[in-house]
Amino acid sequence: MSTLSKSFIGVTVHFIEGTNIESGVIGVTELHESHTADYLVEVFINHLLDWGIDQNQRHLSCLAHTINLIIEKSICKTQEENPKTKVKTGGVPDLLNEVDPL
């Protein structure tokens, strides 16, 4: 598998400690399946459980779906669509193909 086709999800935490805003990484996981809401929720919940954080899964499903929609819309806005063929080109996907693998 090319390094350009690998997908990862990172989970961060941000909180206030006294008068400071603190941040940290809960975890990073390579994604091996289609990025469905159910799969993203599963990965996210596993990170939370690793840290002993218990959450209501119904709310996390909405969060994962919202994140997915934001990313898809953001990528689409970087591309141009051919009016005749409706094929989208350019933007983030083309830029990633130009990056040298690590």
N, C-alpha and C. Protein backbone atom coordinates (compact mmCIF):
# COMPACT_ATOMS: atom_id res chain seq x y z
N MET A 1 0.84 -1.19 0.00
CA MET A 1 0.00 0.00 0.00
C MET A 1 0.89 1.24 0.00
N SER A 2 0.57 2.19 -0.85
CA SER A 2 1.31 3.44 -0.93
C SER A 2 1.08 4.25 0.35
N THR A 3 2.11 4.99 0.75
CA THR A 3 1.95 5.83 1.95
C THR A 3 0.94 6.94 1.70
N LEU A 4 0.69 7.27 0.43
CA LEU A 4 -0.27 8.33 0.14
C LEU A 4 -1.71 7.85 0.30
N SER A 5 -1.91 6.54 0.34
CA SER A 5 -3.27 6.04 0.47
C SER A 5 -3.59 5.57 1.88
N LYS A 6 -2.67 5.76 2.80
CA LYS A 6 -2.95 5.39 4.19
C LYS A 6 -3.76 6.49 4.85
N SER A 7 -4.69 6.07 5.70
CA SER A 7 -5.53 7.02 6.43
C SER A 7 -5.35 6.82 7.92
N PHE A 8 -5.37 7.91 8.65
CA PHE A 8 -5.23 7.87 10.09
C PHE A 8 -6.30 8.76 10.72
N ILE A 9 -6.63 8.44 11.97
CA ILE A 9 -7.48 9.32 12.76
C ILE A 9 -6.74 9.61 14.06
N GLY A 10 -6.72 10.88 14.41
CA GLY A 10 -6.09 11.30 15.65
C GLY A 10 -7.15 11.87 16.58
N VAL A 11 -7.04 11.53 17.84
CA VAL A 11 -7.99 12.03 18.83
C VAL A 11 -7.21 12.87 19.83
N THR A 12 -7.63 14.12 19.97
CA THR A 12 -6.96 15.03 20.90
C THR A 12 -7.92 15.45 22.00
N VAL A 13 -7.35 15.94 23.06
CA VAL A 13 -8.14 16.43 24.19
C VAL A 13 -7.66 17.84 24.51
N HIS A 14 -8.62 18.70 24.85
CA HIS A 14 -8.32 20.07 25.22
C HIS A 14 -9.11 20.39 26.48
N PHE A 15 -8.45 20.98 27.46
CA PHE A 15 -9.12 21.26 28.73
C PHE A 15 -8.46 22.44 29.40
N ILE A 16 -9.17 22.98 30.37
CA ILE A 16 -8.66 24.12 31.14
C ILE A 16 -8.14 23.60 32.47
N GLU A 17 -6.91 23.97 32.77
CA GLU A 17 -6.26 23.62 34.04
C GLU A 17 -5.86 24.94 34.70
N GLY A 18 -6.64 25.34 35.69
CA GLY A 18 -6.38 26.65 36.31
C GLY A 18 -6.70 27.75 35.32
N THR A 19 -5.67 28.51 34.94
CA THR A 19 -5.86 29.58 33.94
C THR A 19 -5.25 29.22 32.59
N ASN A 20 -4.79 27.98 32.44
CA ASN A 20 -4.15 27.55 31.20
C ASN A 20 -5.04 26.62 30.39
N ILE A 21 -4.96 26.73 29.08
CA ILE A 21 -5.61 25.77 28.19
C ILE A 21 -4.57 24.70 27.86
N GLU A 22 -4.88 23.48 28.21
CA GLU A 22 -3.97 22.35 27.99
C GLU A 22 -4.49 21.49 26.83
N SER A 23 -3.58 20.84 26.12
CA SER A 23 -3.93 19.95 25.02
C SER A 23 -3.08 18.71 25.08
N GLY A 24 -3.62 17.62 24.57
CA GLY A 24 -2.86 16.38 24.53
C GLY A 24 -3.43 15.44 23.48
N VAL A 25 -2.66 14.42 23.16
CA VAL A 25 -3.09 13.41 22.20
C VAL A 25 -3.57 12.19 22.96
N ILE A 26 -4.80 11.78 22.69
CA ILE A 26 -5.33 10.55 23.29
C ILE A 26 -4.84 9.35 22.49
N GLY A 27 -4.77 9.49 21.17
CA GLY A 27 -4.26 8.39 20.36
C GLY A 27 -4.36 8.67 18.88
N VAL A 28 -3.60 7.90 18.11
CA VAL A 28 -3.63 7.94 16.65
C VAL A 28 -3.74 6.51 16.16
N THR A 29 -4.65 6.27 15.23
CA THR A 29 -4.88 4.92 14.71
C THR A 29 -4.90 4.95 13.20
N GLU A 30 -4.22 3.98 12.57
CA GLU A 30 -4.34 3.83 11.13
C GLU A 30 -5.68 3.17 10.82
N LEU A 31 -6.39 3.72 9.84
CA LEU A 31 -7.70 3.20 9.46
C LEU A 31 -7.52 2.16 8.35
N HIS A 32 -8.12 0.99 8.55
CA HIS A 32 -7.97 -0.11 7.59
C HIS A 32 -9.28 -0.45 6.89
N GLU A 33 -10.35 0.27 7.20
CA GLU A 33 -11.65 -0.01 6.62
C GLU A 33 -12.22 1.25 5.99
N SER A 34 -13.34 1.10 5.30
CA SER A 34 -14.06 2.25 4.76
C SER A 34 -14.42 3.18 5.91
N HIS A 35 -14.36 4.48 5.66
CA HIS A 35 -14.56 5.47 6.72
C HIS A 35 -16.03 5.73 7.00
N THR A 36 -16.74 4.69 7.35
CA THR A 36 -18.15 4.84 7.70
C THR A 36 -18.28 5.42 9.10
N ALA A 37 -19.44 5.96 9.39
CA ALA A 37 -19.67 6.51 10.73
C ALA A 37 -19.49 5.43 11.79
N ASP A 38 -20.00 4.23 11.51
CA ASP A 38 -19.89 3.14 12.50
C ASP A 38 -18.43 2.80 12.79
N TYR A 39 -17.61 2.73 11.74
CA TYR A 39 -16.20 2.38 11.93
C TYR A 39 -15.46 3.50 12.68
N LEU A 40 -15.70 4.76 12.30
CA LEU A 40 -15.03 5.87 12.98
C LEU A 40 -15.44 5.94 14.45
N VAL A 41 -16.71 5.67 14.74
CA VAL A 41 -17.17 5.65 16.13
C VAL A 41 -16.46 4.54 16.90
N GLU A 42 -16.34 3.37 16.28
CA GLU A 42 -15.66 2.25 16.94
C GLU A 42 -14.23 2.61 17.31
N VAL A 43 -13.51 3.19 16.36
CA VAL A 43 -12.12 3.59 16.61
C VAL A 43 -12.07 4.66 17.70
N PHE A 44 -12.96 5.64 17.61
CA PHE A 44 -12.99 6.73 18.58
C PHE A 44 -13.30 6.20 19.98
N ILE A 45 -14.30 5.35 20.09
CA ILE A 45 -14.68 4.78 21.39
C ILE A 45 -13.53 3.97 21.98
N ASN A 46 -12.82 3.21 21.14
CA ASN A 46 -11.68 2.44 21.63
C ASN A 46 -10.62 3.35 22.25
N HIS A 47 -10.39 4.51 21.63
CA HIS A 47 -9.44 5.47 22.22
C HIS A 47 -9.94 5.96 23.57
N LEU A 48 -11.22 6.29 23.63
CA LEU A 48 -11.78 6.78 24.90
C LEU A 48 -11.71 5.71 25.98
N LEU A 49 -12.05 4.47 25.63
CA LEU A 49 -12.03 3.38 26.61
C LEU A 49 -10.60 3.11 27.09
N ASP A 50 -9.61 3.24 26.18
CA ASP A 50 -8.21 3.07 26.59
C ASP A 50 -7.83 4.05 27.69
N TRP A 51 -8.47 5.21 27.68
CA TRP A 51 -8.18 6.24 28.68
C TRP A 51 -9.20 6.24 29.82
N GLY A 52 -10.10 5.25 29.83
CA GLY A 52 -11.10 5.16 30.89
C GLY A 52 -12.19 6.21 30.79
N ILE A 53 -12.42 6.72 29.58
CA ILE A 53 -13.46 7.73 29.36
C ILE A 53 -14.69 7.01 28.81
N ASP A 54 -15.81 7.09 29.51
CA ASP A 54 -17.03 6.42 29.09
C ASP A 54 -17.98 7.46 28.50
N GLN A 55 -18.47 7.22 27.30
CA GLN A 55 -19.36 8.17 26.64
C GLN A 55 -20.60 7.49 26.11
N ASN A 56 -21.63 8.27 25.88
CA ASN A 56 -22.87 7.78 25.27
C ASN A 56 -22.62 7.60 23.78
N GLN A 57 -22.67 6.37 23.30
CA GLN A 57 -22.31 6.05 21.92
C GLN A 57 -23.20 6.75 20.89
N ARG A 58 -24.43 7.01 21.22
CA ARG A 58 -25.35 7.65 20.27
C ARG A 58 -24.83 9.04 19.87
N HIS A 59 -24.30 9.79 20.82
CA HIS A 59 -23.78 11.12 20.51
C HIS A 59 -22.50 11.02 19.70
N LEU A 60 -21.69 10.01 19.95
CA LEU A 60 -20.45 9.85 19.20
C LEU A 60 -20.71 9.52 17.74
N SER A 61 -21.76 8.79 17.45
CA SER A 61 -22.10 8.50 16.05
C SER A 61 -22.34 9.80 15.30
N CYS A 62 -23.06 10.70 15.89
CA CYS A 62 -23.33 11.98 15.24
C CYS A 62 -22.03 12.75 15.05
N LEU A 63 -21.14 12.72 16.02
CA LEU A 63 -19.86 13.41 15.92
C LEU A 63 -19.04 12.85 14.77
N ALA A 64 -18.92 11.54 14.67
CA ALA A 64 -18.13 10.93 13.61
C ALA A 64 -18.71 11.26 12.24
N HIS A 65 -20.01 11.23 12.12
CA HIS A 65 -20.66 11.55 10.85
C HIS A 65 -20.42 13.02 10.48
N THR A 66 -20.52 13.89 11.45
CA THR A 66 -20.28 15.31 11.20
C THR A 66 -18.85 15.56 10.75
N ILE A 67 -17.90 14.93 11.39
CA ILE A 67 -16.49 15.07 11.00
C ILE A 67 -16.30 14.60 9.57
N ASN A 68 -16.87 13.45 9.24
CA ASN A 68 -16.76 12.92 7.88
C ASN A 68 -17.34 13.90 6.85
N LEU A 69 -18.51 14.47 7.13
CA LEU A 69 -19.13 15.41 6.21
C LEU A 69 -18.29 16.67 6.02
N ILE A 70 -17.71 17.16 7.09
CA ILE A 70 -16.86 18.36 7.01
C ILE A 70 -15.66 18.10 6.12
N ILE A 71 -15.02 16.97 6.30
CA ILE A 71 -13.83 16.65 5.50
C ILE A 71 -14.21 16.48 4.03
N GLU A 72 -15.28 15.75 3.75
CA GLU A 72 -15.71 15.55 2.36
C GLU A 72 -16.03 16.89 1.69
N LYS A 73 -16.77 17.75 2.36
CA LYS A 73 -17.13 19.06 1.78
C LYS A 73 -15.88 19.91 1.57
N SER A 74 -14.94 19.87 2.51
CA SER A 74 -13.72 20.66 2.39
C SER A 74 -12.91 20.22 1.18
N ILE A 75 -12.77 18.92 0.99
CA ILE A 75 -12.02 18.41 -0.16
C ILE A 75 -12.72 18.78 -1.46
N CYS A 76 -14.04 18.65 -1.51
CA CYS A 76 -14.81 18.99 -2.73
C CYS A 76 -14.62 20.45 -3.12
N LYS A 77 -14.54 21.33 -2.11
CA LYS A 77 -14.40 22.76 -2.40
C LYS A 77 -13.05 23.10 -3.02
N THR A 78 -12.07 22.20 -2.93
CA THR A 78 -10.76 22.46 -3.52
C THR A 78 -10.68 21.97 -4.96
N GLN A 79 -11.73 21.30 -5.44
CA GLN A 79 -11.71 20.72 -6.78
C GLN A 79 -12.62 21.49 -7.74
N GLU A 80 -12.32 21.30 -9.05
CA GLU A 80 -13.17 21.88 -10.08
C GLU A 80 -13.88 20.75 -10.81
N GLU A 81 -15.14 20.99 -11.18
CA GLU A 81 -15.92 19.97 -11.88
C GLU A 81 -16.06 20.34 -13.35
N ASN A 82 -15.75 19.37 -14.23
CA ASN A 82 -15.95 19.56 -15.66
C ASN A 82 -17.46 19.55 -15.91
N PRO A 83 -18.02 20.63 -16.49
CA PRO A 83 -19.47 20.69 -16.67
C PRO A 83 -20.03 19.61 -17.60
N LYS A 84 -19.21 19.15 -18.54
CA LYS A 84 -19.70 18.13 -19.48
C LYS A 84 -19.65 16.74 -18.88
N THR A 85 -18.53 16.40 -18.23
CA THR A 85 -18.35 15.02 -17.73
C THR A 85 -18.73 14.88 -16.26
N LYS A 86 -18.85 16.00 -15.54
CA LYS A 86 -19.13 16.01 -14.10
C LYS A 86 -17.98 15.39 -13.28
N VAL A 87 -16.80 15.23 -13.91
CA VAL A 87 -15.63 14.67 -13.23
C VAL A 87 -14.92 15.79 -12.50
N LYS A 88 -14.60 15.56 -11.24
CA LYS A 88 -13.89 16.54 -10.43
C LYS A 88 -12.39 16.28 -10.52
N THR A 89 -11.62 17.36 -10.68
CA THR A 89 -10.16 17.24 -10.76
C THR A 89 -9.53 18.36 -9.94
N GLY A 90 -8.22 18.17 -9.68
CA GLY A 90 -7.46 19.19 -8.96
C GLY A 90 -7.68 19.11 -7.46
N GLY A 91 -7.26 20.15 -6.81
CA GLY A 91 -7.48 20.26 -5.37
C GLY A 91 -6.59 19.36 -4.54
N VAL A 92 -7.06 19.08 -3.34
CA VAL A 92 -6.30 18.29 -2.36
C VAL A 92 -5.90 16.92 -2.90
N PRO A 93 -6.79 16.14 -3.54
CA PRO A 93 -6.37 14.82 -4.03
C PRO A 93 -5.18 14.89 -4.99
N ASP A 94 -5.18 15.86 -5.90
CA ASP A 94 -4.05 16.00 -6.84
C ASP A 94 -2.78 16.44 -6.11
N LEU A 95 -2.92 17.33 -5.15
CA LEU A 95 -1.75 17.77 -4.38
C LEU A 95 -1.11 16.60 -3.63
N LEU A 96 -1.93 15.73 -3.06
CA LEU A 96 -1.40 14.58 -2.33
C LEU A 96 -0.65 13.63 -3.25
N ASN A 97 -1.09 13.52 -4.50
CA ASN A 97 -0.40 12.65 -5.45
C ASN A 97 0.96 13.20 -5.84
N GLU A 98 1.19 14.50 -5.65
CA GLU A 98 2.47 15.11 -5.98
C GLU A 98 3.48 15.01 -4.83
N VAL A 99 3.04 14.65 -3.65
CA VAL A 99 3.92 14.57 -2.48
C VAL A 99 4.74 13.29 -2.56
N ASP A 100 6.04 13.42 -2.28
CA ASP A 100 6.90 12.24 -2.26
C ASP A 100 6.57 11.40 -1.04
N PRO A 101 6.52 10.05 -1.22
CA PRO A 101 6.29 9.18 -0.05
C PRO A 101 7.45 9.31 0.93
N LEU A 102 7.16 9.07 2.18
CA LEU A 102 8.19 9.15 3.23
C LEU A 102 9.24 8.10 3.04
